């Protein structure tokens, strides 16, 4: 991963074969259309999920109604584990397109862990990794200059969410949600980078032309 603080999100949050087998034994298959709110912050949580197909956006909304996007999940990531043990959801989960996933109820999941206690260590590691990831994102938004935040988000999303041609289907407003900034500030920065030949800005999307300067900027504390 380009961002040295984030590590490989995929390797952290993909279930091991043993954990997937446990979940698949008791899972309920679910299909959802685009734009579905799977769960909402603060609601009661009774399930953990494995994403099999599609993408899900994880976000929170401030008291003044402003959305802060935290992550885009891609298969075969596991999610919902914090709420499963805390009892309530800590963020919103919304489908970005048609989605197939597996839902495992809390009672079935805990029963499976009792049968295979070694998997409890993997769940603890998953929880710790998720909390570290959230902490890193909060630190980044609090202390890193905007260009560094934008570069990190672009590089991260290019590995997770880009199409086969390398285009990230994300508008400037949506990127602003991920960077924790206004659309105007993000648009200004992207315009400069396009002029320098680092990126292209097709309508409602973004593609990287020169990854090296973005990588340097992503690893820097300077704006």
C-alpha atoms as a PDB file:
ATOM      1  CA  UNK A   1       0.000   0.000   0.000  1.00  0.00           C
ATOM      2  CA  UNK A   2       1.236   3.422  -0.858  1.00  0.00           C
ATOM      3  CA  UNK A   3       0.301   4.984   2.421  1.00  0.00           C
ATOM      4  CA  UNK A   4       2.823   3.779   4.994  1.00  0.00           C
ATOM      5  CA  UNK A   5       0.433   4.210   7.891  1.00  0.00           C
ATOM      6  CA  UNK A   6      -2.481   2.320   6.422  1.00  0.00           C
ATOM      7  CA  UNK A   7      -0.811  -0.960   5.506  1.00  0.00           C
ATOM      8  CA  UNK A   8      -2.845  -3.338   3.379  1.00  0.00           C
ATOM      9  CA  UNK A   9      -6.508  -2.843   4.172  1.00  0.00           C
ATOM     10  CA  UNK A  10      -7.349  -5.918   2.144  1.00  0.00           C
ATOM     11  CA  UNK A  11      -5.052  -8.232   4.093  1.00  0.00           C
ATOM     12  CA  UNK A  12      -6.284  -6.840   7.409  1.00  0.00           C
ATOM     13  CA  UNK A  13      -9.994  -7.188   6.830  1.00  0.00           C
ATOM     14  CA  UNK A  14     -10.388 -10.209   4.570  1.00  0.00           C
ATOM     15  CA  UNK A  15     -11.518 -13.325   6.423  1.00  0.00           C
ATOM     16  CA  UNK A  16      -9.163 -16.276   6.560  1.00  0.00           C
ATOM     17  CA  UNK A  17     -10.389 -19.494   4.888  1.00  0.00           C
ATOM     18  CA  UNK A  18     -11.158 -20.958   8.336  1.00  0.00           C
ATOM     19  CA  UNK A  19     -13.187 -17.929   9.385  1.00  0.00           C
ATOM     20  CA  UNK A  20     -15.069 -17.875   6.083  1.00  0.00           C
ATOM     21  CA  UNK A  21     -15.935 -21.564   6.495  1.00  0.00           C
ATOM     22  CA  UNK A  22     -17.276 -20.894   9.979  1.00  0.00           C
ATOM     23  CA  UNK A  23     -19.391 -18.000   8.750  1.00  0.00           C
ATOM     24  CA  UNK A  24     -20.629 -19.771   5.637  1.00  0.00           C
ATOM     25  CA  UNK A  25     -21.957 -22.692   7.677  1.00  0.00           C
ATOM     26  CA  UNK A  26     -24.462 -20.440   9.426  1.00  0.00           C
ATOM     27  CA  UNK A  27     -24.695 -17.490   7.023  1.00  0.00           C
ATOM     28  CA  UNK A  28     -27.836 -16.085   5.470  1.00  0.00           C
ATOM     29  CA  UNK A  29     -27.292 -14.971   1.862  1.00  0.00           C
ATOM     30  CA  UNK A  30     -28.489 -11.439   1.167  1.00  0.00           C
ATOM     31  CA  UNK A  31     -28.796  -9.484  -2.091  1.00  0.00           C
ATOM     32  CA  UNK A  32     -29.324  -5.722  -2.015  1.00  0.00           C
ATOM     33  CA  UNK A  33     -29.817  -3.080  -4.735  1.00  0.00           C
ATOM     34  CA  UNK A  34     -27.754   0.097  -5.045  1.00  0.00           C
ATOM     35  CA  UNK A  35     -28.426   2.824  -2.519  1.00  0.00           C
ATOM     36  CA  UNK A  36     -29.584   0.516   0.275  1.00  0.00           C
ATOM     37  CA  UNK A  37     -28.801   1.539   3.855  1.00  0.00           C
ATOM     38  CA  UNK A  38     -27.680  -1.792   5.303  1.00  0.00           C
ATOM     39  CA  UNK A  39     -27.298  -0.422   8.802  1.00  0.00           C
ATOM     40  CA  UNK A  40     -27.152   2.968  10.500  1.00  0.00           C
ATOM     41  CA  UNK A  41     -24.989   4.445  13.241  1.00  0.00           C
ATOM     42  CA  UNK A  42     -26.275   3.836  16.787  1.00  0.00           C
ATOM     43  CA  UNK A  43     -28.843   1.234  15.807  1.00  0.00           C
ATOM     44  CA  UNK A  44     -28.765  -2.125  17.574  1.00  0.00           C
ATOM     45  CA  UNK A  45     -26.293  -4.576  16.021  1.00  0.00           C
ATOM     46  CA  UNK A  46     -26.868  -8.315  15.916  1.00  0.00           C
ATOM     47  CA  UNK A  47     -24.902  -9.471  12.845  1.00  0.00           C
ATOM     48  CA  UNK A  48     -21.496  -9.595  11.193  1.00  0.00           C
ATOM     49  CA  UNK A  49     -21.089  -9.706   7.394  1.00  0.00           C
ATOM     50  CA  UNK A  50     -18.838 -10.996   4.627  1.00  0.00           C
ATOM     51  CA  UNK A  51     -19.035  -9.063   1.367  1.00  0.00           C
ATOM     52  CA  UNK A  52     -19.126 -11.395  -1.664  1.00  0.00           C
ATOM     53  CA  UNK A  53     -19.878  -8.987  -4.522  1.00  0.00           C
ATOM     54  CA  UNK A  54     -20.193  -5.221  -4.952  1.00  0.00           C
ATOM     55  CA  UNK A  55     -19.042  -2.265  -2.870  1.00  0.00           C
ATOM     56  CA  UNK A  56     -20.281  -0.764   0.386  1.00  0.00           C
ATOM     57  CA  UNK A  57     -19.491   2.711   1.677  1.00  0.00           C
ATOM     58  CA  UNK A  58     -18.902   3.155   5.402  1.00  0.00           C
ATOM     59  CA  UNK A  59     -19.602   6.693   6.642  1.00  0.00           C
ATOM     60  CA  UNK A  60     -20.698   8.828   9.569  1.00  0.00           C
ATOM     61  CA  UNK A  61     -22.776  12.004   9.603  1.00  0.00           C
ATOM     62  CA  UNK A  62     -22.075  15.015  11.820  1.00  0.00           C
ATOM     63  CA  UNK A  63     -24.739  16.778  13.877  1.00  0.00           C
ATOM     64  CA  UNK A  64     -24.963  19.472  11.195  1.00  0.00           C
ATOM     65  CA  UNK A  65     -25.691  16.845   8.523  1.00  0.00           C
ATOM     66  CA  UNK A  66     -22.273  16.693   6.856  1.00  0.00           C
ATOM     67  CA  UNK A  67     -21.154  13.243   5.746  1.00  0.00           C
ATOM     68  CA  UNK A  68     -17.652  11.928   6.401  1.00  0.00           C
ATOM     69  CA  UNK A  69     -16.874   8.856   4.303  1.00  0.00           C
ATOM     70  CA  UNK A  70     -14.518   6.445   6.041  1.00  0.00           C
ATOM     71  CA  UNK A  71     -14.027   3.560   3.626  1.00  0.00           C
ATOM     72  CA  UNK A  72     -15.271   1.677   0.599  1.00  0.00           C
ATOM     73  CA  UNK A  73     -15.465  -2.043   1.299  1.00  0.00           C
ATOM     74  CA  UNK A  74     -14.758  -4.579  -1.449  1.00  0.00           C
ATOM     75  CA  UNK A  75     -14.976  -8.400  -1.509  1.00  0.00           C
ATOM     76  CA  UNK A  76     -14.248 -10.458   0.458  1.00  0.00           C
ATOM     77  CA  UNK A  77     -13.991  -8.070   3.396  1.00  0.00           C
ATOM     78  CA  UNK A  78     -15.534  -8.785   6.767  1.00  0.00           C
ATOM     79  CA  UNK A  79     -17.366  -5.908   8.428  1.00  0.00           C
ATOM     80  CA  UNK A  80     -19.753  -5.116  11.254  1.00  0.00           C
ATOM     81  CA  UNK A  81     -17.531  -6.742  13.853  1.00  0.00           C
ATOM     82  CA  UNK A  82     -17.283  -3.715  16.155  1.00  0.00           C
ATOM     83  CA  UNK A  83     -21.044  -3.331  16.386  1.00  0.00           C
ATOM     84  CA  UNK A  84     -21.437  -7.071  16.852  1.00  0.00           C
ATOM     85  CA  UNK A  85     -19.503  -6.960  20.124  1.00  0.00           C
ATOM     86  CA  UNK A  86     -20.334  -3.394  21.174  1.00  0.00           C
ATOM     87  CA  UNK A  87     -24.055  -3.930  20.668  1.00  0.00           C
ATOM     88  CA  UNK A  88     -24.590  -0.857  18.472  1.00  0.00           C
ATOM     89  CA  UNK A  89     -23.384   0.255  15.059  1.00  0.00           C
ATOM     90  CA  UNK A  90     -20.586   2.824  14.968  1.00  0.00           C
ATOM     91  CA  UNK A  91     -21.191   4.005  11.371  1.00  0.00           C
ATOM     92  CA  UNK A  92     -23.584   3.816   8.404  1.00  0.00           C
ATOM     93  CA  UNK A  93     -23.178   1.166   5.697  1.00  0.00           C
ATOM     94  CA  UNK A  94     -24.661   1.944   2.260  1.00  0.00           C
ATOM     95  CA  UNK A  95     -24.456  -0.110  -0.931  1.00  0.00           C
ATOM     96  CA  UNK A  96     -22.837   1.676  -3.885  1.00  0.00           C
ATOM     97  CA  UNK A  97     -24.227  -0.771  -6.407  1.00  0.00           C
ATOM     98  CA  UNK A  98     -25.907  -4.189  -6.384  1.00  0.00           C
ATOM     99  CA  UNK A  99     -24.414  -6.216  -3.546  1.00  0.00           C
ATOM    100  CA  UNK A 100     -24.275  -9.853  -2.480  1.00  0.00           C
ATOM    101  CA  UNK A 101     -23.200 -10.615   1.070  1.00  0.00           C
ATOM    102  CA  UNK A 102     -23.489 -13.158   3.853  1.00  0.00           C
ATOM    103  CA  UNK A 103     -25.070 -12.202   7.156  1.00  0.00           C
ATOM    104  CA  UNK A 104     -24.251 -14.120  10.306  1.00  0.00           C
ATOM    105  CA  UNK A 105     -26.293 -13.529  13.435  1.00  0.00           C
ATOM    106  CA  UNK A 106     -24.469 -12.832  16.688  1.00  0.00           C
ATOM    107  CA  UNK A 107     -25.731 -15.971  18.439  1.00  0.00           C
ATOM    108  CA  UNK A 108     -24.669 -18.233  15.558  1.00  0.00           C
ATOM    109  CA  UNK A 109     -21.295 -16.530  15.247  1.00  0.00           C
ATOM    110  CA  UNK A 110     -20.471 -16.812  18.950  1.00  0.00           C
ATOM    111  CA  UNK A 111     -21.570 -20.446  18.954  1.00  0.00           C
ATOM    112  CA  UNK A 112     -19.167 -21.086  16.079  1.00  0.00           C
ATOM    113  CA  UNK A 113     -16.333 -19.436  17.981  1.00  0.00           C
ATOM    114  CA  UNK A 114     -17.019 -21.671  20.961  1.00  0.00           C
ATOM    115  CA  UNK A 115     -16.616 -24.684  18.675  1.00  0.00           C
ATOM    116  CA  UNK A 116     -13.413 -23.271  17.120  1.00  0.00           C
ATOM    117  CA  UNK A 117     -11.815 -21.122  19.855  1.00  0.00           C
ATOM    118  CA  UNK A 118      -8.614 -20.555  17.887  1.00  0.00           C
ATOM    119  CA  UNK A 119     -10.585 -18.279  15.580  1.00  0.00           C
ATOM    120  CA  UNK A 120     -11.207 -15.941  18.513  1.00  0.00           C
ATOM    121  CA  UNK A 121      -7.622 -14.719  18.100  1.00  0.00           C
ATOM    122  CA  UNK A 122      -8.340 -13.782  14.487  1.00  0.00           C
ATOM    123  CA  UNK A 123     -11.430 -11.839  15.570  1.00  0.00           C
ATOM    124  CA  UNK A 124      -9.434  -9.997  18.232  1.00  0.00           C
ATOM    125  CA  UNK A 125      -6.797  -9.144  15.614  1.00  0.00           C
ATOM    126  CA  UNK A 126      -9.537  -7.977  13.246  1.00  0.00           C
ATOM    127  CA  UNK A 127     -11.045  -5.729  15.904  1.00  0.00           C
ATOM    128  CA  UNK A 128      -7.648  -4.258  16.819  1.00  0.00           C
ATOM    129  CA  UNK A 129      -6.801  -3.655  13.165  1.00  0.00           C
ATOM    130  CA  UNK A 130     -10.129  -1.912  12.596  1.00  0.00           C
ATOM    131  CA  UNK A 131      -9.619   0.327  15.618  1.00  0.00           C
ATOM    132  CA  UNK A 132      -6.075   1.183  14.482  1.00  0.00           C
ATOM    133  CA  UNK A 133      -7.398   2.025  11.027  1.00  0.00           C
ATOM    134  CA  UNK A 134     -10.063   4.323  12.482  1.00  0.00           C
ATOM    135  CA  UNK A 135      -7.503   5.974  14.764  1.00  0.00           C
ATOM    136  CA  UNK A 136      -5.125   6.556  11.834  1.00  0.00           C
ATOM    137  CA  UNK A 137      -7.893   8.135   9.766  1.00  0.00           C
ATOM    138  CA  UNK A 138      -8.870  10.468  12.605  1.00  0.00           C
ATOM    139  CA  UNK A 139      -5.224  11.439  13.137  1.00  0.00           C
ATOM    140  CA  UNK A 140      -4.810  12.036   9.408  1.00  0.00           C
ATOM    141  CA  UNK A 141      -7.836  14.331   9.239  1.00  0.00           C
ATOM    142  CA  UNK A 142      -6.756  16.224  12.354  1.00  0.00           C
ATOM    143  CA  UNK A 143      -3.071  16.773  11.554  1.00  0.00           C
ATOM    144  CA  UNK A 144      -2.237  16.174   7.889  1.00  0.00           C
ATOM    145  CA  UNK A 145      -2.368  18.944   5.257  1.00  0.00           C
ATOM    146  CA  UNK A 146      -5.213  18.677   2.761  1.00  0.00           C
ATOM    147  CA  UNK A 147      -3.039  17.751  -0.264  1.00  0.00           C
ATOM    148  CA  UNK A 148      -1.521  14.884   1.723  1.00  0.00           C
ATOM    149  CA  UNK A 149      -4.988  13.653   2.726  1.00  0.00           C
ATOM    150  CA  UNK A 150      -6.264  13.834  -0.842  1.00  0.00           C
ATOM    151  CA  UNK A 151      -3.217  12.028  -2.235  1.00  0.00           C
ATOM    152  CA  UNK A 152      -3.582   9.247   0.333  1.00  0.00           C
ATOM    153  CA  UNK A 153      -7.281   8.792  -0.406  1.00  0.00           C
ATOM    154  CA  UNK A 154      -6.715   8.733  -4.176  1.00  0.00           C
ATOM    155  CA  UNK A 155      -3.932   6.142  -3.939  1.00  0.00           C
ATOM    156  CA  UNK A 156      -5.856   3.998  -1.493  1.00  0.00           C
ATOM    157  CA  UNK A 157      -9.076   4.073  -3.511  1.00  0.00           C
ATOM    158  CA  UNK A 158      -7.218   3.463  -6.770  1.00  0.00           C
ATOM    159  CA  UNK A 159      -6.133   0.075  -5.394  1.00  0.00           C
ATOM    160  CA  UNK A 160      -9.551  -0.842  -4.002  1.00  0.00           C
ATOM    161  CA  UNK A 161     -12.127   0.801  -6.225  1.00  0.00           C
ATOM    162  CA  UNK A 162     -10.666   1.609  -9.654  1.00  0.00           C
ATOM    163  CA  UNK A 163     -12.072  -0.104 -12.731  1.00  0.00           C
ATOM    164  CA  UNK A 164      -9.942  -2.160 -15.117  1.00  0.00           C
ATOM    165  CA  UNK A 165      -8.866   0.983 -16.914  1.00  0.00           C
ATOM    166  CA  UNK A 166      -7.640   2.534 -13.675  1.00  0.00           C
ATOM    167  CA  UNK A 167     -10.464   5.053 -13.360  1.00  0.00           C
ATOM    168  CA  UNK A 168     -11.877   5.687  -9.873  1.00  0.00           C
ATOM    169  CA  UNK A 169     -15.666   6.221 -10.175  1.00  0.00           C
ATOM    170  CA  UNK A 170     -15.704   8.956  -7.560  1.00  0.00           C
ATOM    171  CA  UNK A 171     -16.835  12.558  -7.979  1.00  0.00           C
ATOM    172  CA  UNK A 172     -14.959  15.497  -6.495  1.00  0.00           C
ATOM    173  CA  UNK A 173     -17.734  15.951  -3.940  1.00  0.00           C
ATOM    174  CA  UNK A 174     -17.436  12.294  -2.915  1.00  0.00           C
ATOM    175  CA  UNK A 175     -13.652  12.585  -2.658  1.00  0.00           C
ATOM    176  CA  UNK A 176     -14.169  15.624  -0.433  1.00  0.00           C
ATOM    177  CA  UNK A 177     -16.270  13.413   1.867  1.00  0.00           C
ATOM    178  CA  UNK A 178     -13.304  11.048   2.178  1.00  0.00           C
ATOM    179  CA  UNK A 179     -10.731  13.797   2.680  1.00  0.00           C
ATOM    180  CA  UNK A 180     -12.797  15.657   5.267  1.00  0.00           C
ATOM    181  CA  UNK A 181     -12.774  18.870   3.230  1.00  0.00           C
ATOM    182  CA  UNK A 182     -15.038  21.083   1.147  1.00  0.00           C
ATOM    183  CA  UNK A 183     -15.663  20.283  -2.489  1.00  0.00           C
ATOM    184  CA  UNK A 184     -14.219  23.668  -3.466  1.00  0.00           C
ATOM    185  CA  UNK A 185     -10.909  23.014  -1.689  1.00  0.00           C
ATOM    186  CA  UNK A 186     -10.611  19.549  -3.207  1.00  0.00           C
ATOM    187  CA  UNK A 187     -11.494  20.840  -6.697  1.00  0.00           C
ATOM    188  CA  UNK A 188      -8.785  23.499  -6.462  1.00  0.00           C
ATOM    189  CA  UNK A 189      -6.135  20.935  -5.513  1.00  0.00           C
ATOM    190  CA  UNK A 190      -7.225  18.479  -8.208  1.00  0.00           C
ATOM    191  CA  UNK A 191      -7.166  21.241 -10.809  1.00  0.00           C
ATOM    192  CA  UNK A 192      -3.529  21.977  -9.976  1.00  0.00           C
ATOM    193  CA  UNK A 193      -2.612  18.314 -10.174  1.00  0.00           C
ATOM    194  CA  UNK A 194      -4.355  17.924 -13.522  1.00  0.00           C
ATOM    195  CA  UNK A 195      -2.409  20.914 -14.860  1.00  0.00           C
ATOM    196  CA  UNK A 196       0.804  19.241 -13.688  1.00  0.00           C
ATOM    197  CA  UNK A 197      -0.121  16.025 -15.485  1.00  0.00           C
ATOM    198  CA  UNK A 198      -0.553  13.921 -12.356  1.00  0.00           C
ATOM    199  CA  UNK A 199      -4.248  13.056 -12.841  1.00  0.00           C
ATOM    200  CA  UNK A 200      -7.121  13.186 -15.293  1.00  0.00           C
ATOM    201  CA  UNK A 201     -10.630  14.231 -14.325  1.00  0.00           C
ATOM    202  CA  UNK A 202     -13.215  12.549 -16.551  1.00  0.00           C
ATOM    203  CA  UNK A 203     -16.770  13.488 -15.657  1.00  0.00           C
ATOM    204  CA  UNK A 204     -17.682  12.171 -12.205  1.00  0.00           C
ATOM    205  CA  UNK A 205     -14.433  10.245 -11.886  1.00  0.00           C
ATOM    206  CA  UNK A 206     -10.656  10.451 -11.517  1.00  0.00           C
ATOM    207  CA  UNK A 207      -7.685   8.589 -12.949  1.00  0.00           C
ATOM    208  CA  UNK A 208      -3.981   8.698 -12.114  1.00  0.00           C
ATOM    209  CA  UNK A 209      -1.516   9.606 -14.867  1.00  0.00           C
ATOM    210  CA  UNK A 210       1.638   9.916 -12.751  1.00  0.00           C
ATOM    211  CA  UNK A 211       1.622   7.977  -9.477  1.00  0.00           C
ATOM    212  CA  UNK A 212       5.114   8.954  -8.257  1.00  0.00           C
ATOM    213  CA  UNK A 213       4.422  12.563  -7.159  1.00  0.00           C
ATOM    214  CA  UNK A 214       1.239  11.449  -5.404  1.00  0.00           C
ATOM    215  CA  UNK A 215       3.192   8.785  -3.545  1.00  0.00           C
ATOM    216  CA  UNK A 216       5.767  11.359  -2.428  1.00  0.00           C
ATOM    217  CA  UNK A 217       3.042  13.726  -1.310  1.00  0.00           C
ATOM    218  CA  UNK A 218       1.137  10.955   0.500  1.00  0.00           C
ATOM    219  CA  UNK A 219       4.195  10.108   2.606  1.00  0.00           C
ATOM    220  CA  UNK A 220       4.914  13.751   3.433  1.00  0.00           C
ATOM    221  CA  UNK A 221       3.632  16.042   6.140  1.00  0.00           C
ATOM    222  CA  UNK A 222       4.085  19.042   3.882  1.00  0.00           C
ATOM    223  CA  UNK A 223       1.263  20.473   1.779  1.00  0.00           C
END
